[in-house]
Amino acid sequence: MNEYWIVTEIRTGRVICHCADINDAMMMVAFGPEKRTYSRHRFLMDQVIDVSSTTDKQLPGQVGLSAGKVEALNASTIKLPEGQQEPFVV
């Protein structure tokens, strides 16, 4: 179980900082004791379970389909039109 400390502003509830040590949290509260407070939070570390998979990496619809025909793009035939307007000078 790990614990950490959160320093918050009393009036608005805004989080000022997260501290790993209570002494740091107390120091942050000491900068404005009438405006700040700190609280302890704990979290549990869960177990890590490694799972290996040996299934096929293809999507279900791709199994048994033939390869598709892909046409290469020809750079000489695909061009943007030339600009016909006068340049805008600032």
PDB file of N, CA and C in Angstrom:
ATOM      1  N   MET A   1       0.851  -1.167   0.000  1.00  0.00           N
ATOM      2  CA  MET A   1       0.000   0.000   0.000  1.00  0.00           C
ATOM      3  C   MET A   1       0.896   1.228   0.000  1.00  0.00           C
ATOM      4  N   ASN A   2       0.650   2.121  -0.936  1.00  0.00           N
ATOM      5  CA  ASN A   2       1.401   3.362  -1.030  1.00  0.00           C
ATOM      6  C   ASN A   2       0.503   4.516  -0.642  1.00  0.00           C
ATOM      7  N   GLU A   3       1.094   5.542  -0.047  1.00  0.00           N
ATOM      8  CA  GLU A   3       0.317   6.708   0.337  1.00  0.00           C
ATOM      9  C   GLU A   3       0.993   7.971  -0.161  1.00  0.00           C
ATOM     10  N   TYR A   4       0.184   8.995  -0.384  1.00  0.00           N
ATOM     11  CA  TYR A   4       0.692  10.291  -0.780  1.00  0.00           C
ATOM     12  C   TYR A   4      -0.220  11.345  -0.165  1.00  0.00           C
ATOM     13  N   TRP A   5       0.216  12.568  -0.186  1.00  0.00           N
ATOM     14  CA  TRP A   5      -0.490  13.661   0.469  1.00  0.00           C
ATOM     15  C   TRP A   5      -0.879  14.694  -0.579  1.00  0.00           C
ATOM     16  N   ILE A   6      -2.109  15.201  -0.483  1.00  0.00           N
ATOM     17  CA  ILE A   6      -2.600  16.212  -1.413  1.00  0.00           C
ATOM     18  C   ILE A   6      -2.864  17.489  -0.635  1.00  0.00           C
ATOM     19  N   VAL A   7      -2.247  18.580  -1.072  1.00  0.00           N
ATOM     20  CA  VAL A   7      -2.462  19.887  -0.479  1.00  0.00           C
ATOM     21  C   VAL A   7      -3.502  20.609  -1.325  1.00  0.00           C
ATOM     22  N   THR A   8      -4.602  21.058  -0.682  1.00  0.00           N
ATOM     23  CA  THR A   8      -5.685  21.722  -1.393  1.00  0.00           C
ATOM     24  C   THR A   8      -5.989  23.076  -0.775  1.00  0.00           C
ATOM     25  N   GLU A   9      -6.608  23.914  -1.566  1.00  0.00           N
ATOM     26  CA  GLU A   9      -7.068  25.213  -1.081  1.00  0.00           C
ATOM     27  C   GLU A   9      -8.436  24.999  -0.431  1.00  0.00           C
ATOM     28  N   ILE A  10      -8.627  25.530   0.777  1.00  0.00           N
ATOM     29  CA  ILE A  10      -9.845  25.256   1.544  1.00  0.00           C
ATOM     30  C   ILE A  10     -11.078  25.847   0.863  1.00  0.00           C
ATOM     31  N   ARG A  11     -10.992  27.082   0.417  1.00  0.00           N
ATOM     32  CA  ARG A  11     -12.163  27.781  -0.092  1.00  0.00           C
ATOM     33  C   ARG A  11     -12.669  27.206  -1.411  1.00  0.00           C
ATOM     34  N   THR A  12     -11.767  26.922  -2.351  1.00  0.00           N
ATOM     35  CA  THR A  12     -12.177  26.465  -3.678  1.00  0.00           C
ATOM     36  C   THR A  12     -12.014  24.963  -3.892  1.00  0.00           C
ATOM     37  N   GLY A  13     -11.192  24.298  -3.082  1.00  0.00           N
ATOM     38  CA  GLY A  13     -10.936  22.872  -3.262  1.00  0.00           C
ATOM     39  C   GLY A  13      -9.938  22.581  -4.358  1.00  0.00           C
ATOM     40  N   ARG A  14      -9.271  23.593  -4.885  1.00  0.00           N
ATOM     41  CA  ARG A  14      -8.285  23.428  -5.955  1.00  0.00           C
ATOM     42  C   ARG A  14      -7.053  22.710  -5.409  1.00  0.00           C
ATOM     43  N   VAL A  15      -6.557  21.720  -6.135  1.00  0.00           N
ATOM     44  CA  VAL A  15      -5.367  20.971  -5.734  1.00  0.00           C
ATOM     45  C   VAL A  15      -4.137  21.822  -5.995  1.00  0.00           C
ATOM     46  N   ILE A  16      -3.340  22.037  -4.969  1.00  0.00           N
ATOM     47  CA  ILE A  16      -2.123  22.827  -5.100  1.00  0.00           C
ATOM     48  C   ILE A  16      -0.949  21.932  -5.469  1.00  0.00           C
ATOM     49  N   CYS A  17      -0.796  20.806  -4.773  1.00  0.00           N
ATOM     50  CA  CYS A  17       0.291  19.887  -5.114  1.00  0.00           C
ATOM     51  C   CYS A  17       0.031  18.515  -4.520  1.00  0.00           C
ATOM     52  N   HIS A  18       0.763  17.534  -5.016  1.00  0.00           N
ATOM     53  CA  HIS A  18       0.792  16.181  -4.490  1.00  0.00           C
ATOM     54  C   HIS A  18       2.170  15.984  -3.871  1.00  0.00           C
ATOM     55  N   CYS A  19       2.227  15.466  -2.652  1.00  0.00           N
ATOM     56  CA  CYS A  19       3.504  15.285  -1.961  1.00  0.00           C
ATOM     57  C   CYS A  19       3.673  13.816  -1.577  1.00  0.00           C
ATOM     58  N   ALA A  20       4.887  13.331  -1.642  1.00  0.00           N
ATOM     59  CA  ALA A  20       5.185  11.962  -1.256  1.00  0.00           C
ATOM     60  C   ALA A  20       5.461  11.845   0.238  1.00  0.00           C
ATOM     61  N   ASP A  21       5.774  12.959   0.897  1.00  0.00           N
ATOM     62  CA  ASP A  21       6.127  12.949   2.312  1.00  0.00           C
ATOM     63  C   ASP A  21       5.236  13.925   3.071  1.00  0.00           C
ATOM     64  N   ILE A  22       4.840  13.565   4.275  1.00  0.00           N
ATOM     65  CA  ILE A  22       3.982  14.432   5.076  1.00  0.00           C
ATOM     66  C   ILE A  22       4.685  15.729   5.441  1.00  0.00           C
ATOM     67  N   ASN A  23       5.996  15.698   5.594  1.00  0.00           N
ATOM     68  CA  ASN A  23       6.727  16.912   5.943  1.00  0.00           C
ATOM     69  C   ASN A  23       6.643  17.948   4.813  1.00  0.00           C
ATOM     70  N   ASP A  24       6.666  17.497   3.578  1.00  0.00           N
ATOM     71  CA  ASP A  24       6.513  18.413   2.450  1.00  0.00           C
ATOM     72  C   ASP A  24       5.112  19.018   2.419  1.00  0.00           C
ATOM     73  N   ALA A  25       4.108  18.198   2.705  1.00  0.00           N
ATOM     74  CA  ALA A  25       2.731  18.691   2.726  1.00  0.00           C
ATOM     75  C   ALA A  25       2.546  19.715   3.843  1.00  0.00           C
ATOM     76  N   MET A  26       3.122  19.456   5.001  1.00  0.00           N
ATOM     77  CA  MET A  26       3.018  20.392   6.124  1.00  0.00           C
ATOM     78  C   MET A  26       3.728  21.709   5.795  1.00  0.00           C
ATOM     79  N   MET A  27       4.844  21.638   5.076  1.00  0.00           N
ATOM     80  CA  MET A  27       5.562  22.848   4.680  1.00  0.00           C
ATOM     81  C   MET A  27       4.720  23.675   3.700  1.00  0.00           C
ATOM     82  N   MET A  28       4.052  23.019   2.757  1.00  0.00           N
ATOM     83  CA  MET A  28       3.210  23.738   1.806  1.00  0.00           C
ATOM     84  C   MET A  28       2.019  24.392   2.500  1.00  0.00           C
ATOM     85  N   VAL A  29       1.465  23.738   3.513  1.00  0.00           N
ATOM     86  CA  VAL A  29       0.351  24.316   4.267  1.00  0.00           C
ATOM     87  C   VAL A  29       0.842  25.487   5.106  1.00  0.00           C
ATOM     88  N   ALA A  30       2.088  25.438   5.570  1.00  0.00           N
ATOM     89  CA  ALA A  30       2.636  26.506   6.404  1.00  0.00           C
ATOM     90  C   ALA A  30       2.744  27.827   5.638  1.00  0.00           C
ATOM     91  N   PHE A  31       2.770  27.799   4.295  1.00  0.00           N
ATOM     92  CA  PHE A  31       2.815  29.033   3.517  1.00  0.00           C
ATOM     93  C   PHE A  31       1.507  29.817   3.622  1.00  0.00           C
ATOM     94  N   GLY A  32       0.420  29.147   3.886  1.00  0.00           N
ATOM     95  CA  GLY A  32      -0.883  29.804   4.050  1.00  0.00           C
ATOM     96  C   GLY A  32      -1.798  28.933   4.883  1.00  0.00           C
ATOM     97  N   PRO A  33      -1.560  28.827   6.205  1.00  0.00           N
ATOM     98  CA  PRO A  33      -2.307  27.864   7.020  1.00  0.00           C
ATOM     99  C   PRO A  33      -3.814  28.138   7.084  1.00  0.00           C
ATOM    100  N   GLU A  34      -4.239  29.370   6.921  1.00  0.00           N
ATOM    101  CA  GLU A  34      -5.668  29.658   6.967  1.00  0.00           C
ATOM    102  C   GLU A  34      -6.355  29.382   5.626  1.00  0.00           C
ATOM    103  N   LYS A  35      -5.562  29.158   4.570  1.00  0.00           N
ATOM    104  CA  LYS A  35      -6.123  28.947   3.239  1.00  0.00           C
ATOM    105  C   LYS A  35      -5.912  27.533   2.709  1.00  0.00           C
ATOM    106  N   ARG A  36      -5.032  26.758   3.324  1.00  0.00           N
ATOM    107  CA  ARG A  36      -4.670  25.447   2.782  1.00  0.00           C
ATOM    108  C   ARG A  36      -4.867  24.343   3.794  1.00  0.00           C
ATOM    109  N   THR A  37      -5.069  23.132   3.280  1.00  0.00           N
ATOM    110  CA  THR A  37      -5.157  21.941   4.103  1.00  0.00           C
ATOM    111  C   THR A  37      -4.531  20.773   3.342  1.00  0.00           C
ATOM    112  N   TYR A  38      -4.210  19.700   4.048  1.00  0.00           N
ATOM    113  CA  TYR A  38      -3.654  18.518   3.390  1.00  0.00           C
ATOM    114  C   TYR A  38      -4.409  17.289   3.848  1.00  0.00           C
ATOM    115  N   SER A  39      -4.406  16.271   2.985  1.00  0.00           N
ATOM    116  CA  SER A  39      -5.065  15.009   3.309  1.00  0.00           C
ATOM    117  C   SER A  39      -4.246  13.850   2.752  1.00  0.00           C
ATOM    118  N   ARG A  40      -4.377  12.705   3.419  1.00  0.00           N
ATOM    119  CA  ARG A  40      -3.629  11.521   3.009  1.00  0.00           C
ATOM    120  C   ARG A  40      -4.493  10.656   2.104  1.00  0.00           C
ATOM    121  N   HIS A  41      -3.896  10.168   1.028  1.00  0.00           N
ATOM    122  CA  HIS A  41      -4.568   9.265   0.099  1.00  0.00           C
ATOM    123  C   HIS A  41      -3.714   8.019  -0.050  1.00  0.00           C
ATOM    124  N   ARG A  42      -4.380   6.878  -0.160  1.00  0.00           N
ATOM    125  CA  ARG A  42      -3.676   5.597  -0.300  1.00  0.00           C
ATOM    126  C   ARG A  42      -4.186   4.890  -1.543  1.00  0.00           C
ATOM    127  N   PHE A  43      -3.301   4.126  -2.155  1.00  0.00           N
ATOM    128  CA  PHE A  43      -3.731   3.271  -3.251  1.00  0.00           C
ATOM    129  C   PHE A  43      -3.040   1.931  -3.121  1.00  0.00           C
ATOM    130  N   LEU A  44      -3.762   0.896  -3.513  1.00  0.00           N
ATOM    131  CA  LEU A  44      -3.254  -0.469  -3.442  1.00  0.00           C
ATOM    132  C   LEU A  44      -2.656  -0.850  -4.780  1.00  0.00           C
ATOM    133  N   MET A  45      -1.520  -1.498  -4.743  1.00  0.00           N
ATOM    134  CA  MET A  45      -0.892  -1.996  -5.962  1.00  0.00           C
ATOM    135  C   MET A  45      -1.508  -3.355  -6.293  1.00  0.00           C
ATOM    136  N   ASP A  46      -2.104  -3.473  -7.469  1.00  0.00           N
ATOM    137  CA  ASP A  46      -2.694  -4.737  -7.889  1.00  0.00           C
ATOM    138  C   ASP A  46      -1.618  -5.666  -8.428  1.00  0.00           C
ATOM    139  N   GLN A  47      -1.978  -6.931  -8.522  1.00  0.00           N
ATOM    140  CA  GLN A  47      -1.064  -7.900  -9.098  1.00  0.00           C
ATOM    141  C   GLN A  47      -1.053  -7.746 -10.616  1.00  0.00           C
ATOM    142  N   VAL A  48       0.105  -7.950 -11.221  1.00  0.00           N
ATOM    143  CA  VAL A  48       0.245  -7.881 -12.671  1.00  0.00           C
ATOM    144  C   VAL A  48       0.250  -9.304 -13.204  1.00  0.00           C
ATOM    145  N   ILE A  49      -0.643  -9.572 -14.145  1.00  0.00           N
ATOM    146  CA  ILE A  49      -0.751 -10.906 -14.733  1.00  0.00           C
ATOM    147  C   ILE A  49      -0.400 -10.797 -16.212  1.00  0.00           C
ATOM    148  N   ASP A  50       0.614 -11.518 -16.641  1.00  0.00           N
ATOM    149  CA  ASP A  50       1.008 -11.529 -18.049  1.00  0.00           C
ATOM    150  C   ASP A  50       0.228 -12.619 -18.777  1.00  0.00           C
ATOM    151  N   VAL A  51      -0.366 -12.256 -19.901  1.00  0.00           N
ATOM    152  CA  VAL A  51      -1.133 -13.202 -20.702  1.00  0.00           C
ATOM    153  C   VAL A  51      -0.536 -13.214 -22.093  1.00  0.00           C
ATOM    154  N   SER A  52      -0.234 -14.389 -22.590  1.00  0.00           N
ATOM    155  CA  SER A  52       0.283 -14.485 -23.952  1.00  0.00           C
ATOM    156  C   SER A  52      -0.815 -15.045 -24.853  1.00  0.00           C
ATOM    157  N   SER A  53      -0.804 -14.604 -26.100  1.00  0.00           N
ATOM    158  CA  SER A  53      -1.824 -15.010 -27.049  1.00  0.00           C
ATOM    159  C   SER A  53      -1.160 -15.670 -28.248  1.00  0.00           C
ATOM    160  N   THR A  54      -1.770 -16.713 -28.742  1.00  0.00           N
ATOM    161  CA  THR A  54      -1.229 -17.416 -29.908  1.00  0.00           C
ATOM    162  C   THR A  54      -2.235 -17.416 -31.052  1.00  0.00           C
ATOM    163  N   THR A  55      -3.166 -16.479 -31.065  1.00  0.00           N
ATOM    164  CA  THR A  55      -4.173 -16.438 -32.118  1.00  0.00           C
ATOM    165  C   THR A  55      -3.606 -15.791 -33.376  1.00  0.00           C
ATOM    166  N   ASP A  56      -4.349 -15.900 -34.461  1.00  0.00           N
ATOM    167  CA  ASP A  56      -3.963 -15.312 -35.731  1.00  0.00           C
ATOM    168  C   ASP A  56      -4.117 -13.800 -35.648  1.00  0.00           C
ATOM    169  N   LYS A  57      -3.155 -13.056 -36.172  1.00  0.00           N
ATOM    170  CA  LYS A  57      -3.131 -11.604 -36.069  1.00  0.00           C
ATOM    171  C   LYS A  57      -4.016 -10.905 -37.102  1.00  0.00           C
ATOM    172  N   GLN A  58      -4.708 -11.628 -37.962  1.00  0.00           N
ATOM    173  CA  GLN A  58      -5.543 -11.020 -38.984  1.00  0.00           C
ATOM    174  C   GLN A  58      -6.943 -10.768 -38.442  1.00  0.00           C
ATOM    175  N   LEU A  59      -7.608  -9.802 -39.057  1.00  0.00           N
ATOM    176  CA  LEU A  59      -9.002  -9.561 -38.723  1.00  0.00           C
ATOM    177  C   LEU A  59      -9.850 -10.696 -39.260  1.00  0.00           C
ATOM    178  N   PRO A  60     -10.998 -10.974 -38.640  1.00  0.00           N
ATOM    179  CA  PRO A  60     -11.800 -12.120 -39.083  1.00  0.00           C
ATOM    180  C   PRO A  60     -12.256 -12.023 -40.534  1.00  0.00           C
ATOM    181  N   GLY A  61     -12.520 -10.847 -41.088  1.00  0.00           N
ATOM    182  CA  GLY A  61     -12.975 -10.713 -42.464  1.00  0.00           C
ATOM    183  C   GLY A  61     -11.884 -10.909 -43.485  1.00  0.00           C
ATOM    184  N   GLN A  62     -10.623 -10.898 -43.100  1.00  0.00           N
ATOM    185  CA  GLN A  62      -9.516 -11.015 -44.038  1.00  0.00           C
ATOM    186  C   GLN A  62      -9.061 -12.447 -44.260  1.00  0.00           C
ATOM    187  N   VAL A  63      -9.545 -13.340 -43.497  1.00  0.00           N
ATOM    188  CA  VAL A  63      -9.118 -14.727 -43.633  1.00  0.00           C
ATOM    189  C   VAL A  63      -9.715 -15.295 -44.920  1.00  0.00           C
ATOM    190  N   GLY A  64      -8.884 -15.791 -45.811  1.00  0.00           N
ATOM    191  CA  GLY A  64      -9.337 -16.428 -47.046  1.00  0.00           C
ATOM    192  C   GLY A  64      -9.566 -15.474 -48.205  1.00  0.00           C
ATOM    193  N   LEU A  65      -9.400 -14.178 -48.035  1.00  0.00           N
ATOM    194  CA  LEU A  65      -9.590 -13.238 -49.132  1.00  0.00           C
ATOM    195  C   LEU A  65      -8.308 -13.102 -49.942  1.00  0.00           C
ATOM    196  N   SER A  66      -8.467 -12.835 -51.215  1.00  0.00           N
ATOM    197  CA  SER A  66      -7.287 -12.638 -52.061  1.00  0.00           C
ATOM    198  C   SER A  66      -6.759 -11.219 -51.859  1.00  0.00           C
ATOM    199  N   ALA A  67      -5.520 -11.002 -52.258  1.00  0.00           N
ATOM    200  CA  ALA A  67      -4.909  -9.684 -52.113  1.00  0.00           C
ATOM    201  C   ALA A  67      -5.566  -8.712 -53.079  1.00  0.00           C
ATOM    202  N   GLY A  68      -5.776  -7.481 -52.640  1.00  0.00           N
ATOM    203  CA  GLY A  68      -6.417  -6.464 -53.476  1.00  0.00           C
ATOM    204  C   GLY A  68      -5.437  -5.881 -54.477  1.00  0.00           C
ATOM    205  N   LYS A  69      -5.988  -5.268 -55.548  1.00  0.00           N
ATOM    206  CA  LYS A  69      -5.163  -4.658 -56.572  1.00  0.00           C
ATOM    207  C   LYS A  69      -4.971  -3.193 -56.215  1.00  0.00           C
ATOM    208  N   VAL A  70      -3.727  -2.765 -56.096  1.00  0.00           N
ATOM    209  CA  VAL A  70      -3.410  -1.393 -55.729  1.00  0.00           C
ATOM    210  C   VAL A  70      -2.693  -0.736 -56.890  1.00  0.00           C
ATOM    211  N   GLU A  71      -3.225   0.412 -57.340  1.00  0.00           N
ATOM    212  CA  GLU A  71      -2.595   1.132 -58.432  1.00  0.00           C
ATOM    213  C   GLU A  71      -1.660   2.185 -57.851  1.00  0.00           C
ATOM    214  N   ALA A  72      -0.470   2.273 -58.432  1.00  0.00           N
ATOM    215  CA  ALA A  72       0.497   3.261 -57.971  1.00  0.00           C
ATOM    216  C   ALA A  72       0.102   4.637 -58.499  1.00  0.00           C
ATOM    217  N   LEU A  73       0.325   5.667 -57.703  1.00  0.00           N
ATOM    218  CA  LEU A  73       0.028   7.032 -58.120  1.00  0.00           C
ATOM    219  C   LEU A  73       1.129   7.537 -59.035  1.00  0.00           C
ATOM    220  N   ASN A  74       0.735   8.151 -60.113  1.00  0.00           N
ATOM    221  CA  ASN A  74       1.685   8.723 -61.047  1.00  0.00           C
ATOM    222  C   ASN A  74       1.765  10.217 -60.764  1.00  0.00           C
ATOM    223  N   ALA A  75       2.927  10.700 -60.367  1.00  0.00           N
ATOM    224  CA  ALA A  75       3.089  12.094 -59.966  1.00  0.00           C
ATOM    225  C   ALA A  75       2.944  13.056 -61.128  1.00  0.00           C
ATOM    226  N   SER A  76       3.158  12.621 -62.360  1.00  0.00           N
ATOM    227  CA  SER A  76       3.072  13.535 -63.513  1.00  0.00           C
ATOM    228  C   SER A  76       1.627  13.809 -63.905  1.00  0.00           C
ATOM    229  N   THR A  77       0.688  12.928 -63.588  1.00  0.00           N
ATOM    230  CA  THR A  77      -0.698  13.139 -63.986  1.00  0.00           C
ATOM    231  C   THR A  77      -1.512  13.863 -62.921  1.00  0.00           C
ATOM    232  N   ILE A  78      -1.090  13.823 -61.698  1.00  0.00           N
ATOM    233  CA  ILE A  78      -1.840  14.464 -60.620  1.00  0.00           C
ATOM    234  C   ILE A  78      -1.125  15.744 -60.224  1.00  0.00           C
ATOM    235  N   LYS A  79      -1.718  16.888 -60.582  1.00  0.00           N
ATOM    236  CA  LYS A  79      -1.127  18.179 -60.250  1.00  0.00           C
ATOM    237  C   LYS A  79      -2.222  19.141 -59.816  1.00  0.00           C
ATOM    238  N   LEU A  80      -1.865  20.083 -58.973  1.00  0.00           N
ATOM    239  CA  LEU A  80      -2.786  21.138 -58.602  1.00  0.00           C
ATOM    240  C   LEU A  80      -2.766  22.220 -59.666  1.00  0.00           C
ATOM    241  N   PRO A  81      -3.878  22.940 -59.867  1.00  0.00           N
ATOM    242  CA  PRO A  81      -3.895  23.988 -60.885  1.00  0.00           C
ATOM    243  C   PRO A  81      -3.040  25.173 -60.458  1.00  0.00           C
ATOM    244  N   GLU A  82      -2.522  25.873 -61.458  1.00  0.00           N
ATOM    245  CA  GLU A  82      -1.719  27.062 -61.202  1.00  0.00           C
ATOM    246  C   GLU A  82      -2.624  28.183 -60.697  1.00  0.00           C
ATOM    247  N   GLY A  83      -2.071  29.035 -59.802  1.00  0.00           N
ATOM    248  CA  GLY A  83      -2.824  30.165 -59.301  1.00  0.00           C
ATOM    249  C   GLY A  83      -3.038  31.219 -60.388  1.00  0.00           C
ATOM    250  N   GLN A  84      -4.247  31.750 -60.513  1.00  0.00           N
ATOM    251  CA  GLN A  84      -4.581  32.719 -61.549  1.00  0.00           C
ATOM    252  C   GLN A  84      -4.765  34.124 -60.982  1.00  0.00           C
ATOM    253  N   GLN A  85      -4.595  34.315 -59.670  1.00  0.00           N
ATOM    254  CA  GLN A  85      -4.852  35.607 -59.069  1.00  0.00           C
ATOM    255  C   GLN A  85      -3.556  36.330 -58.790  1.00  0.00           C
ATOM    256  N   GLU A  86      -3.694  37.658 -58.566  1.00  0.00           N
ATOM    257  CA  GLU A  86      -2.523  38.460 -58.242  1.00  0.00           C
ATOM    258  C   GLU A  86      -2.129  38.225 -56.794  1.00  0.00           C
ATOM    259  N   PRO A  87      -0.813  38.299 -56.490  1.00  0.00           N
ATOM    260  CA  PRO A  87      -0.374  38.098 -55.103  1.00  0.00           C
ATOM    261  C   PRO A  87      -0.847  39.233 -54.211  1.00  0.00           C
ATOM    262  N   PHE A  88      -1.111  38.909 -52.979  1.00  0.00           N
ATOM    263  CA  PHE A  88      -1.574  39.870 -51.982  1.00  0.00           C
ATOM    264  C   PHE A  88      -0.378  40.354 -51.171  1.00  0.00           C
ATOM    265  N   VAL A  89      -0.095  41.660 -51.228  1.00  0.00           N
ATOM    266  CA  VAL A  89       1.044  42.232 -50.532  1.00  0.00           C
ATOM    267  C   VAL A  89       0.535  42.937 -49.279  1.00  0.00           C
ATOM    268  N   VAL A  90       1.128  42.647 -48.163  1.00  0.00           N
ATOM    269  CA  VAL A  90       0.706  43.240 -46.892  1.00  0.00           C
ATOM    270  C   VAL A  90       1.470  44.523 -46.643  1.00  0.00           C
TER     271      VAL A  90
END
